[in-house]
Amino acid sequence: MFVHHVFFFLKPDLDQEQQAAFEAGVKALLPIQHVKLGDVGKPASTDRPVIDRSYSYSLLLVFENLVDHDAYQVDPIHLNFVETCKQYWDRVQIYDSETV
């Protein structure tokens, strides 16, 4: 399996309408054909020194393999999300992993 975990750091001055537009956009990625499992979340209320809660939203996507991940990257829904929603974030951090 291939896991793609994306952390979005949204601009602090977004209004509710802009946050809603981002949230709708990121949730639209979940039904993309190659996604086996997906979830959109915000930082949990857990508070321990090892937990980083500095991000605004996380996107967790699981694919069968790297080929499916690569197909997702060029999917028109994903490309549209990046184009229309990049205005809402200051930074994106991605962690990809493969099953060992």
PDB file of N, CA and C in Angstrom:
ATOM      1  N   MET A   1       0.827  -1.182   0.000  1.00  0.00           N
ATOM      2  CA  MET A   1       0.000   0.000   0.000  1.00  0.00           C
ATOM      3  C   MET A   1       0.874   1.250   0.000  1.00  0.00           C
ATOM      4  N   PHE A   2       0.277   2.325  -0.461  1.00  0.00           N
ATOM      5  CA  PHE A   2       0.960   3.610  -0.524  1.00  0.00           C
ATOM      6  C   PHE A   2       0.098   4.628   0.218  1.00  0.00           C
ATOM      7  N   VAL A   3       0.687   5.300   1.207  1.00  0.00           N
ATOM      8  CA  VAL A   3      -0.041   6.267   2.024  1.00  0.00           C
ATOM      9  C   VAL A   3       0.488   7.665   1.717  1.00  0.00           C
ATOM     10  N   HIS A   4      -0.451   8.568   1.452  1.00  0.00           N
ATOM     11  CA  HIS A   4      -0.150   9.963   1.104  1.00  0.00           C
ATOM     12  C   HIS A   4      -0.840  10.827   2.154  1.00  0.00           C
ATOM     13  N   HIS A   5      -0.044  11.466   3.022  1.00  0.00           N
ATOM     14  CA  HIS A   5      -0.610  12.274   4.104  1.00  0.00           C
ATOM     15  C   HIS A   5      -0.182  13.712   3.897  1.00  0.00           C
ATOM     16  N   VAL A   6      -1.173  14.581   3.713  1.00  0.00           N
ATOM     17  CA  VAL A   6      -0.932  15.977   3.373  1.00  0.00           C
ATOM     18  C   VAL A   6      -1.417  16.859   4.522  1.00  0.00           C
ATOM     19  N   PHE A   7      -0.574  17.774   4.941  1.00  0.00           N
ATOM     20  CA  PHE A   7      -0.933  18.724   5.999  1.00  0.00           C
ATOM     21  C   PHE A   7      -0.978  20.123   5.394  1.00  0.00           C
ATOM     22  N   PHE A   8      -2.125  20.777   5.548  1.00  0.00           N
ATOM     23  CA  PHE A   8      -2.346  22.106   5.019  1.00  0.00           C
ATOM     24  C   PHE A   8      -2.270  23.132   6.148  1.00  0.00           C
ATOM     25  N   PHE A   9      -1.523  24.181   5.923  1.00  0.00           N
ATOM     26  CA  PHE A   9      -1.402  25.292   6.852  1.00  0.00           C
ATOM     27  C   PHE A   9      -2.093  26.481   6.181  1.00  0.00           C
ATOM     28  N   LEU A  10      -3.355  26.693   6.527  1.00  0.00           N
ATOM     29  CA  LEU A  10      -4.135  27.729   5.872  1.00  0.00           C
ATOM     30  C   LEU A  10      -3.711  29.123   6.331  1.00  0.00           C
ATOM     31  N   LYS A  11      -3.956  30.085   5.485  1.00  0.00           N
ATOM     32  CA  LYS A  11      -3.671  31.478   5.825  1.00  0.00           C
ATOM     33  C   LYS A  11      -4.544  31.874   7.010  1.00  0.00           C
ATOM     34  N   PRO A  12      -3.995  32.584   7.972  1.00  0.00           N
ATOM     35  CA  PRO A  12      -4.743  32.892   9.202  1.00  0.00           C
ATOM     36  C   PRO A  12      -5.900  33.863   9.013  1.00  0.00           C
ATOM     37  N   ASP A  13      -5.912  34.607   7.920  1.00  0.00           N
ATOM     38  CA  ASP A  13      -6.947  35.625   7.742  1.00  0.00           C
ATOM     39  C   ASP A  13      -8.114  35.183   6.850  1.00  0.00           C
ATOM     40  N   LEU A  14      -8.270  33.882   6.636  1.00  0.00           N
ATOM     41  CA  LEU A  14      -9.386  33.403   5.816  1.00  0.00           C
ATOM     42  C   LEU A  14     -10.705  33.621   6.543  1.00  0.00           C
ATOM     43  N   ASP A  15     -11.718  34.005   5.763  1.00  0.00           N
ATOM     44  CA  ASP A  15     -13.046  34.122   6.369  1.00  0.00           C
ATOM     45  C   ASP A  15     -13.766  32.769   6.282  1.00  0.00           C
ATOM     46  N   GLN A  16     -14.965  32.701   6.839  1.00  0.00           N
ATOM     47  CA  GLN A  16     -15.697  31.428   6.889  1.00  0.00           C
ATOM     48  C   GLN A  16     -16.014  30.901   5.496  1.00  0.00           C
ATOM     49  N   GLU A  17     -16.321  31.788   4.580  1.00  0.00           N
ATOM     50  CA  GLU A  17     -16.633  31.372   3.214  1.00  0.00           C
ATOM     51  C   GLU A  17     -15.414  30.740   2.538  1.00  0.00           C
ATOM     52  N   GLN A  18     -14.253  31.334   2.739  1.00  0.00           N
ATOM     53  CA  GLN A  18     -13.026  30.792   2.158  1.00  0.00           C
ATOM     54  C   GLN A  18     -12.671  29.447   2.797  1.00  0.00           C
ATOM     55  N   GLN A  19     -12.824  29.340   4.110  1.00  0.00           N
ATOM     56  CA  GLN A  19     -12.561  28.053   4.773  1.00  0.00           C
ATOM     57  C   GLN A  19     -13.520  26.985   4.269  1.00  0.00           C
ATOM     58  N   ALA A  20     -14.775  27.347   4.076  1.00  0.00           N
ATOM     59  CA  ALA A  20     -15.763  26.397   3.563  1.00  0.00           C
ATOM     60  C   ALA A  20     -15.415  25.966   2.136  1.00  0.00           C
ATOM     61  N   ALA A  21     -14.932  26.893   1.323  1.00  0.00           N
ATOM     62  CA  ALA A  21     -14.528  26.562  -0.043  1.00  0.00           C
ATOM     63  C   ALA A  21     -13.348  25.592  -0.031  1.00  0.00           C
ATOM     64  N   PHE A  22     -12.370  25.846   0.845  1.00  0.00           N
ATOM     65  CA  PHE A  22     -11.241  24.926   0.959  1.00  0.00           C
ATOM     66  C   PHE A  22     -11.727  23.542   1.393  1.00  0.00           C
ATOM     67  N   GLU A  23     -12.557  23.507   2.422  1.00  0.00           N
ATOM     68  CA  GLU A  23     -13.030  22.231   2.953  1.00  0.00           C
ATOM     69  C   GLU A  23     -13.811  21.447   1.898  1.00  0.00           C
ATOM     70  N   ALA A  24     -14.653  22.117   1.147  1.00  0.00           N
ATOM     71  CA  ALA A  24     -15.398  21.444   0.078  1.00  0.00           C
ATOM     72  C   ALA A  24     -14.437  20.919  -0.984  1.00  0.00           C
ATOM     73  N   GLY A  25     -13.427  21.715  -1.311  1.00  0.00           N
ATOM     74  CA  GLY A  25     -12.448  21.292  -2.311  1.00  0.00           C
ATOM     75  C   GLY A  25     -11.657  20.078  -1.889  1.00  0.00           C
ATOM     76  N   VAL A  26     -11.179  20.073  -0.654  1.00  0.00           N
ATOM     77  CA  VAL A  26     -10.361  18.952  -0.195  1.00  0.00           C
ATOM     78  C   VAL A  26     -11.214  17.685  -0.050  1.00  0.00           C
ATOM     79  N   LYS A  27     -12.461  17.837   0.372  1.00  0.00           N
ATOM     80  CA  LYS A  27     -13.338  16.660   0.487  1.00  0.00           C
ATOM     81  C   LYS A  27     -13.692  16.080  -0.882  1.00  0.00           C
ATOM     82  N   ALA A  28     -13.647  16.900  -1.920  1.00  0.00           N
ATOM     83  CA  ALA A  28     -13.933  16.425  -3.276  1.00  0.00           C
ATOM     84  C   ALA A  28     -12.867  15.460  -3.784  1.00  0.00           C
ATOM     85  N   LEU A  29     -11.713  15.420  -3.106  1.00  0.00           N
ATOM     86  CA  LEU A  29     -10.641  14.507  -3.511  1.00  0.00           C
ATOM     87  C   LEU A  29     -10.919  13.064  -3.094  1.00  0.00           C
ATOM     88  N   LEU A  30     -11.726  12.877  -2.078  1.00  0.00           N
ATOM     89  CA  LEU A  30     -11.936  11.537  -1.505  1.00  0.00           C
ATOM     90  C   LEU A  30     -12.531  10.527  -2.485  1.00  0.00           C
ATOM     91  N   PRO A  31     -13.497  10.903  -3.322  1.00  0.00           N
ATOM     92  CA  PRO A  31     -14.070   9.901  -4.229  1.00  0.00           C
ATOM     93  C   PRO A  31     -13.293   9.667  -5.525  1.00  0.00           C
ATOM     94  N   ILE A  32     -12.126  10.274  -5.675  1.00  0.00           N
ATOM     95  CA  ILE A  32     -11.334  10.030  -6.887  1.00  0.00           C
ATOM     96  C   ILE A  32     -11.098   8.531  -7.037  1.00  0.00           C
ATOM     97  N   GLN A  33     -11.226   8.069  -8.253  1.00  0.00           N
ATOM     98  CA  GLN A  33     -11.213   6.637  -8.592  1.00  0.00           C
ATOM     99  C   GLN A  33     -10.085   5.832  -7.951  1.00  0.00           C
ATOM    100  N   HIS A  34      -8.906   6.344  -7.907  1.00  0.00           N
ATOM    101  CA  HIS A  34      -7.747   5.558  -7.453  1.00  0.00           C
ATOM    102  C   HIS A  34      -7.572   5.538  -5.935  1.00  0.00           C
ATOM    103  N   VAL A  35      -8.353   6.334  -5.211  1.00  0.00           N
ATOM    104  CA  VAL A  35      -8.243   6.394  -3.755  1.00  0.00           C
ATOM    105  C   VAL A  35      -8.938   5.188  -3.139  1.00  0.00           C
ATOM    106  N   LYS A  36      -8.174   4.403  -2.386  1.00  0.00           N
ATOM    107  CA  LYS A  36      -8.739   3.225  -1.710  1.00  0.00           C
ATOM    108  C   LYS A  36      -9.432   3.627  -0.409  1.00  0.00           C
ATOM    109  N   LEU A  37      -8.823   4.551   0.322  1.00  0.00           N
ATOM    110  CA  LEU A  37      -9.355   5.037   1.593  1.00  0.00           C
ATOM    111  C   LEU A  37      -8.905   6.479   1.752  1.00  0.00           C
ATOM    112  N   GLY A  38      -9.792   7.335   2.266  1.00  0.00           N
ATOM    113  CA  GLY A  38      -9.424   8.723   2.445  1.00  0.00           C
ATOM    114  C   GLY A  38     -10.132   9.346   3.633  1.00  0.00           C
ATOM    115  N   ASP A  39      -9.506  10.372   4.192  1.00  0.00           N
ATOM    116  CA  ASP A  39     -10.085  11.077   5.326  1.00  0.00           C
ATOM    117  C   ASP A  39      -9.550  12.504   5.346  1.00  0.00           C
ATOM    118  N   VAL A  40     -10.429  13.437   5.713  1.00  0.00           N
ATOM    119  CA  VAL A  40     -10.049  14.835   5.925  1.00  0.00           C
ATOM    120  C   VAL A  40     -10.289  15.134   7.392  1.00  0.00           C
ATOM    121  N   GLY A  41      -9.322  15.764   8.049  1.00  0.00           N
ATOM    122  CA  GLY A  41      -9.481  16.065   9.467  1.00  0.00           C
ATOM    123  C   GLY A  41      -8.788  17.347   9.871  1.00  0.00           C
ATOM    124  N   LYS A  42      -9.061  17.735  11.109  1.00  0.00           N
ATOM    125  CA  LYS A  42      -8.400  18.868  11.756  1.00  0.00           C
ATOM    126  C   LYS A  42      -7.613  18.323  12.942  1.00  0.00           C
ATOM    127  N   PRO A  43      -6.712  19.107  13.508  1.00  0.00           N
ATOM    128  CA  PRO A  43      -5.940  18.607  14.653  1.00  0.00           C
ATOM    129  C   PRO A  43      -6.871  18.129  15.781  1.00  0.00           C
ATOM    130  N   ALA A  44      -6.537  16.973  16.316  1.00  0.00           N
ATOM    131  CA  ALA A  44      -7.307  16.417  17.431  1.00  0.00           C
ATOM    132  C   ALA A  44      -7.005  17.197  18.711  1.00  0.00           C
ATOM    133  N   SER A  45      -7.810  16.987  19.716  1.00  0.00           N
ATOM    134  CA  SER A  45      -7.642  17.718  20.975  1.00  0.00           C
ATOM    135  C   SER A  45      -6.543  17.135  21.861  1.00  0.00           C
ATOM    136  N   THR A  46      -5.912  16.066  21.408  1.00  0.00           N
ATOM    137  CA  THR A  46      -4.813  15.498  22.186  1.00  0.00           C
ATOM    138  C   THR A  46      -3.694  16.514  22.323  1.00  0.00           C
ATOM    139  N   ASP A  47      -3.058  16.520  23.486  1.00  0.00           N
ATOM    140  CA  ASP A  47      -2.025  17.518  23.739  1.00  0.00           C
ATOM    141  C   ASP A  47      -0.889  16.879  24.513  1.00  0.00           C
ATOM    142  N   ARG A  48       0.115  16.447  23.762  1.00  0.00           N
ATOM    143  CA  ARG A  48       1.330  15.900  24.356  1.00  0.00           C
ATOM    144  C   ARG A  48       2.505  16.542  23.643  1.00  0.00           C
ATOM    145  N   PRO A  49       3.669  16.578  24.263  1.00  0.00           N
ATOM    146  CA  PRO A  49       4.821  17.264  23.652  1.00  0.00           C
ATOM    147  C   PRO A  49       5.195  16.750  22.261  1.00  0.00           C
ATOM    148  N   VAL A  50       4.914  15.500  21.957  1.00  0.00           N
ATOM    149  CA  VAL A  50       5.323  14.941  20.663  1.00  0.00           C
ATOM    150  C   VAL A  50       4.301  15.178  19.546  1.00  0.00           C
ATOM    151  N   ILE A  51       3.177  15.808  19.868  1.00  0.00           N
ATOM    152  CA  ILE A  51       2.114  16.011  18.879  1.00  0.00           C
ATOM    153  C   ILE A  51       2.226  17.402  18.277  1.00  0.00           C
ATOM    154  N   ASP A  52       2.248  17.449  16.951  1.00  0.00           N
ATOM    155  CA  ASP A  52       2.281  18.709  16.223  1.00  0.00           C
ATOM    156  C   ASP A  52       0.848  19.059  15.827  1.00  0.00           C
ATOM    157  N   ARG A  53       0.320  20.105  16.391  1.00  0.00           N
ATOM    158  CA  ARG A  53      -1.038  20.555  16.092  1.00  0.00           C
ATOM    159  C   ARG A  53      -1.032  21.881  15.340  1.00  0.00           C
ATOM    160  N   SER A  54       0.070  22.190  14.672  1.00  0.00           N
ATOM    161  CA  SER A  54       0.219  23.502  14.037  1.00  0.00           C
ATOM    162  C   SER A  54      -0.467  23.592  12.666  1.00  0.00           C
ATOM    163  N   TYR A  55      -0.912  22.496  12.116  1.00  0.00           N
ATOM    164  CA  TYR A  55      -1.556  22.506  10.807  1.00  0.00           C
ATOM    165  C   TYR A  55      -3.048  22.827  10.956  1.00  0.00           C
ATOM    166  N   SER A  56      -3.676  23.162   9.842  1.00  0.00           N
ATOM    167  CA  SER A  56      -5.102  23.499   9.834  1.00  0.00           C
ATOM    168  C   SER A  56      -5.975  22.300   9.472  1.00  0.00           C
ATOM    169  N   TYR A  57      -5.569  21.566   8.442  1.00  0.00           N
ATOM    170  CA  TYR A  57      -6.298  20.383   7.969  1.00  0.00           C
ATOM    171  C   TYR A  57      -5.296  19.318   7.561  1.00  0.00           C
ATOM    172  N   SER A  58      -5.725  18.071   7.678  1.00  0.00           N
ATOM    173  CA  SER A  58      -4.928  16.976   7.131  1.00  0.00           C
ATOM    174  C   SER A  58      -5.778  16.208   6.129  1.00  0.00           C
ATOM    175  N   LEU A  59      -5.127  15.693   5.121  1.00  0.00           N
ATOM    176  CA  LEU A  59      -5.740  14.830   4.126  1.00  0.00           C
ATOM    177  C   LEU A  59      -4.952  13.533   4.123  1.00  0.00           C
ATOM    178  N   LEU A  60      -5.625  12.446   4.432  1.00  0.00           N
ATOM    179  CA  LEU A  60      -4.990  11.125   4.437  1.00  0.00           C
ATOM    180  C   LEU A  60      -5.587  10.313   3.307  1.00  0.00           C
ATOM    181  N   LEU A  61      -4.749   9.877   2.384  1.00  0.00           N
ATOM    182  CA  LEU A  61      -5.191   9.051   1.270  1.00  0.00           C
ATOM    183  C   LEU A  61      -4.371   7.772   1.217  1.00  0.00           C
ATOM    184  N   VAL A  62      -5.052   6.668   0.998  1.00  0.00           N
ATOM    185  CA  VAL A  62      -4.394   5.368   0.876  1.00  0.00           C
ATOM    186  C   VAL A  62      -4.670   4.837  -0.533  1.00  0.00           C
ATOM    187  N   PHE A  63      -3.616   4.375  -1.168  1.00  0.00           N
ATOM    188  CA  PHE A  63      -3.692   3.813  -2.519  1.00  0.00           C
ATOM    189  C   PHE A  63      -3.181   2.381  -2.493  1.00  0.00           C
ATOM    190  N   GLU A  64      -3.582   1.608  -3.459  1.00  0.00           N
ATOM    191  CA  GLU A  64      -3.081   0.225  -3.569  1.00  0.00           C
ATOM    192  C   GLU A  64      -1.578   0.210  -3.810  1.00  0.00           C
ATOM    193  N   ASN A  65      -1.093   1.203  -4.588  1.00  0.00           N
ATOM    194  CA  ASN A  65       0.316   1.191  -4.979  1.00  0.00           C
ATOM    195  C   ASN A  65       0.714   2.571  -5.504  1.00  0.00           C
ATOM    196  N   LEU A  66       1.963   2.704  -5.835  1.00  0.00           N
ATOM    197  CA  LEU A  66       2.500   3.965  -6.339  1.00  0.00           C
ATOM    198  C   LEU A  66       1.866   4.349  -7.673  1.00  0.00           C
ATOM    199  N   VAL A  67       1.544   3.381  -8.497  1.00  0.00           N
ATOM    200  CA  VAL A  67       0.918   3.660  -9.794  1.00  0.00           C
ATOM    201  C   VAL A  67      -0.416   4.380  -9.595  1.00  0.00           C
ATOM    202  N   ASP A  68      -1.224   3.901  -8.636  1.00  0.00           N
ATOM    203  CA  ASP A  68      -2.504   4.556  -8.360  1.00  0.00           C
ATOM    204  C   ASP A  68      -2.292   5.957  -7.797  1.00  0.00           C
ATOM    205  N   HIS A  69      -1.293   6.122  -6.942  1.00  0.00           N
ATOM    206  CA  HIS A  69      -0.963   7.445  -6.410  1.00  0.00           C
ATOM    207  C   HIS A  69      -0.593   8.398  -7.541  1.00  0.00           C
ATOM    208  N   ASP A  70       0.229   7.928  -8.458  1.00  0.00           N
ATOM    209  CA  ASP A  70       0.663   8.772  -9.567  1.00  0.00           C
ATOM    210  C   ASP A  70      -0.511   9.141 -10.473  1.00  0.00           C
ATOM    211  N   ALA A  71      -1.457   8.226 -10.655  1.00  0.00           N
ATOM    212  CA  ALA A  71      -2.659   8.525 -11.446  1.00  0.00           C
ATOM    213  C   ALA A  71      -3.510   9.586 -10.740  1.00  0.00           C
ATOM    214  N   TYR A  72      -3.597   9.495  -9.422  1.00  0.00           N
ATOM    215  CA  TYR A  72      -4.317  10.501  -8.627  1.00  0.00           C
ATOM    216  C   TYR A  72      -3.709  11.885  -8.821  1.00  0.00           C
ATOM    217  N   GLN A  73      -2.391  11.971  -8.865  1.00  0.00           N
ATOM    218  CA  GLN A  73      -1.708  13.256  -8.977  1.00  0.00           C
ATOM    219  C   GLN A  73      -2.097  14.018 -10.240  1.00  0.00           C
ATOM    220  N   VAL A  74      -2.428  13.311 -11.307  1.00  0.00           N
ATOM    221  CA  VAL A  74      -2.790  13.974 -12.571  1.00  0.00           C
ATOM    222  C   VAL A  74      -4.294  13.911 -12.842  1.00  0.00           C
ATOM    223  N   ASP A  75      -5.061  13.419 -11.888  1.00  0.00           N
ATOM    224  CA  ASP A  75      -6.514  13.383 -12.045  1.00  0.00           C
ATOM    225  C   ASP A  75      -7.042  14.819 -12.139  1.00  0.00           C
ATOM    226  N   PRO A  76      -7.960  15.093 -13.059  1.00  0.00           N
ATOM    227  CA  PRO A  76      -8.486  16.458 -13.213  1.00  0.00           C
ATOM    228  C   PRO A  76      -9.096  17.039 -11.931  1.00  0.00           C
ATOM    229  N   ILE A  77      -9.690  16.209 -11.086  1.00  0.00           N
ATOM    230  CA  ILE A  77     -10.261  16.702  -9.825  1.00  0.00           C
ATOM    231  C   ILE A  77      -9.152  17.201  -8.914  1.00  0.00           C
ATOM    232  N   HIS A  78      -8.052  16.454  -8.831  1.00  0.00           N
ATOM    233  CA  HIS A  78      -6.918  16.873  -8.006  1.00  0.00           C
ATOM    234  C   HIS A  78      -6.281  18.142  -8.567  1.00  0.00           C
ATOM    235  N   LEU A  79      -6.075  18.182  -9.868  1.00  0.00           N
ATOM    236  CA  LEU A  79      -5.470  19.369 -10.478  1.00  0.00           C
ATOM    237  C   LEU A  79      -6.352  20.604 -10.276  1.00  0.00           C
ATOM    238  N   ASN A  80      -7.665  20.436 -10.374  1.00  0.00           N
ATOM    239  CA  ASN A  80      -8.581  21.544 -10.147  1.00  0.00           C
ATOM    240  C   ASN A  80      -8.524  22.014  -8.694  1.00  0.00           C
ATOM    241  N   PHE A  81      -8.448  21.063  -7.754  1.00  0.00           N
ATOM    242  CA  PHE A  81      -8.335  21.423  -6.341  1.00  0.00           C
ATOM    243  C   PHE A  81      -7.098  22.286  -6.103  1.00  0.00           C
ATOM    244  N   VAL A  82      -5.972  21.862  -6.602  1.00  0.00           N
ATOM    245  CA  VAL A  82      -4.734  22.623  -6.398  1.00  0.00           C
ATOM    246  C   VAL A  82      -4.872  24.019  -6.998  1.00  0.00           C
ATOM    247  N   GLU A  83      -5.395  24.089  -8.208  1.00  0.00           N
ATOM    248  CA  GLU A  83      -5.510  25.385  -8.884  1.00  0.00           C
ATOM    249  C   GLU A  83      -6.469  26.330  -8.170  1.00  0.00           C
ATOM    250  N   THR A  84      -7.601  25.821  -7.702  1.00  0.00           N
ATOM    251  CA  THR A  84      -8.614  26.694  -7.106  1.00  0.00           C
ATOM    252  C   THR A  84      -8.410  26.938  -5.611  1.00  0.00           C
ATOM    253  N   CYS A  85      -7.692  26.054  -4.938  1.00  0.00           N
ATOM    254  CA  CYS A  85      -7.563  26.192  -3.478  1.00  0.00           C
ATOM    255  C   CYS A  85      -6.184  26.621  -2.996  1.00  0.00           C
ATOM    256  N   LYS A  86      -5.184  26.669  -3.873  1.00  0.00           N
ATOM    257  CA  LYS A  86      -3.838  27.042  -3.427  1.00  0.00           C
ATOM    258  C   LYS A  86      -3.794  28.446  -2.836  1.00  0.00           C
ATOM    259  N   GLN A  87      -4.757  29.264  -3.195  1.00  0.00           N
ATOM    260  CA  GLN A  87      -4.832  30.622  -2.653  1.00  0.00           C
ATOM    261  C   GLN A  87      -5.134  30.644  -1.158  1.00  0.00           C
ATOM    262  N   TYR A  88      -5.609  29.516  -0.612  1.00  0.00           N
ATOM    263  CA  TYR A  88      -6.025  29.470   0.789  1.00  0.00           C
ATOM    264  C   TYR A  88      -4.920  29.028   1.751  1.00  0.00           C
ATOM    265  N   TRP A  89      -3.836  28.468   1.248  1.00  0.00           N
ATOM    266  CA  TRP A  89      -2.811  27.986   2.175  1.00  0.00           C
ATOM    267  C   TRP A  89      -1.507  28.753   2.052  1.00  0.00           C
ATOM    268  N   ASP A  90      -0.808  28.787   3.191  1.00  0.00           N
ATOM    269  CA  ASP A  90       0.544  29.338   3.241  1.00  0.00           C
ATOM    270  C   ASP A  90       1.583  28.267   2.955  1.00  0.00           C
ATOM    271  N   ARG A  91       1.246  27.037   3.374  1.00  0.00           N
ATOM    272  CA  ARG A  91       2.232  25.950   3.286  1.00  0.00           C
ATOM    273  C   ARG A  91       1.516  24.622   3.236  1.00  0.00           C
ATOM    274  N   VAL A  92       2.146  23.667   2.573  1.00  0.00           N
ATOM    275  CA  VAL A  92       1.672  22.284   2.530  1.00  0.00           C
ATOM    276  C   VAL A  92       2.861  21.394   2.858  1.00  0.00           C
ATOM    277  N   GLN A  93       2.642  20.419   3.728  1.00  0.00           N
ATOM    278  CA  GLN A  93       3.684  19.453   4.080  1.00  0.00           C
ATOM    279  C   GLN A  93       3.138  18.065   3.771  1.00  0.00           C
ATOM    280  N   ILE A  94       3.904  17.268   3.041  1.00  0.00           N
ATOM    281  CA  ILE A  94       3.446  15.943   2.628  1.00  0.00           C
ATOM    282  C   ILE A  94       4.389  14.873   3.153  1.00  0.00           C
ATOM    283  N   TYR A  95       3.783  13.802   3.656  1.00  0.00           N
ATOM    284  CA  TYR A  95       4.523  12.605   4.068  1.00  0.00           C
ATOM    285  C   TYR A  95       3.949  11.423   3.303  1.00  0.00           C
ATOM    286  N   ASP A  96       4.773  10.800   2.476  1.00  0.00           N
ATOM    287  CA  ASP A  96       4.373   9.595   1.736  1.00  0.00           C
ATOM    288  C   ASP A  96       5.085   8.397   2.348  1.00  0.00           C
ATOM    289  N   SER A  97       4.368   7.280   2.414  1.00  0.00           N
ATOM    290  CA  SER A  97       5.015   6.067   2.905  1.00  0.00           C
ATOM    291  C   SER A  97       4.468   4.872   2.148  1.00  0.00           C
ATOM    292  N   GLU A  98       5.291   3.826   2.089  1.00  0.00           N
ATOM    293  CA  GLU A  98       4.917   2.574   1.452  1.00  0.00           C
ATOM    294  C   GLU A  98       5.050   1.450   2.463  1.00  0.00           C
ATOM    295  N   THR A  99       4.194   0.469   2.318  1.00  0.00           N
ATOM    296  CA  THR A  99       4.218  -0.680   3.206  1.00  0.00           C
ATOM    297  C   THR A  99       5.553  -1.411   3.089  1.00  0.00           C
ATOM    298  N   VAL A 100       6.120  -1.797   4.224  1.00  0.00           N
ATOM    299  CA  VAL A 100       7.386  -2.548   4.214  1.00  0.00           C
ATOM    300  C   VAL A 100       7.142  -4.035   4.360  1.00  0.00           C
TER     301      VAL A 100
END
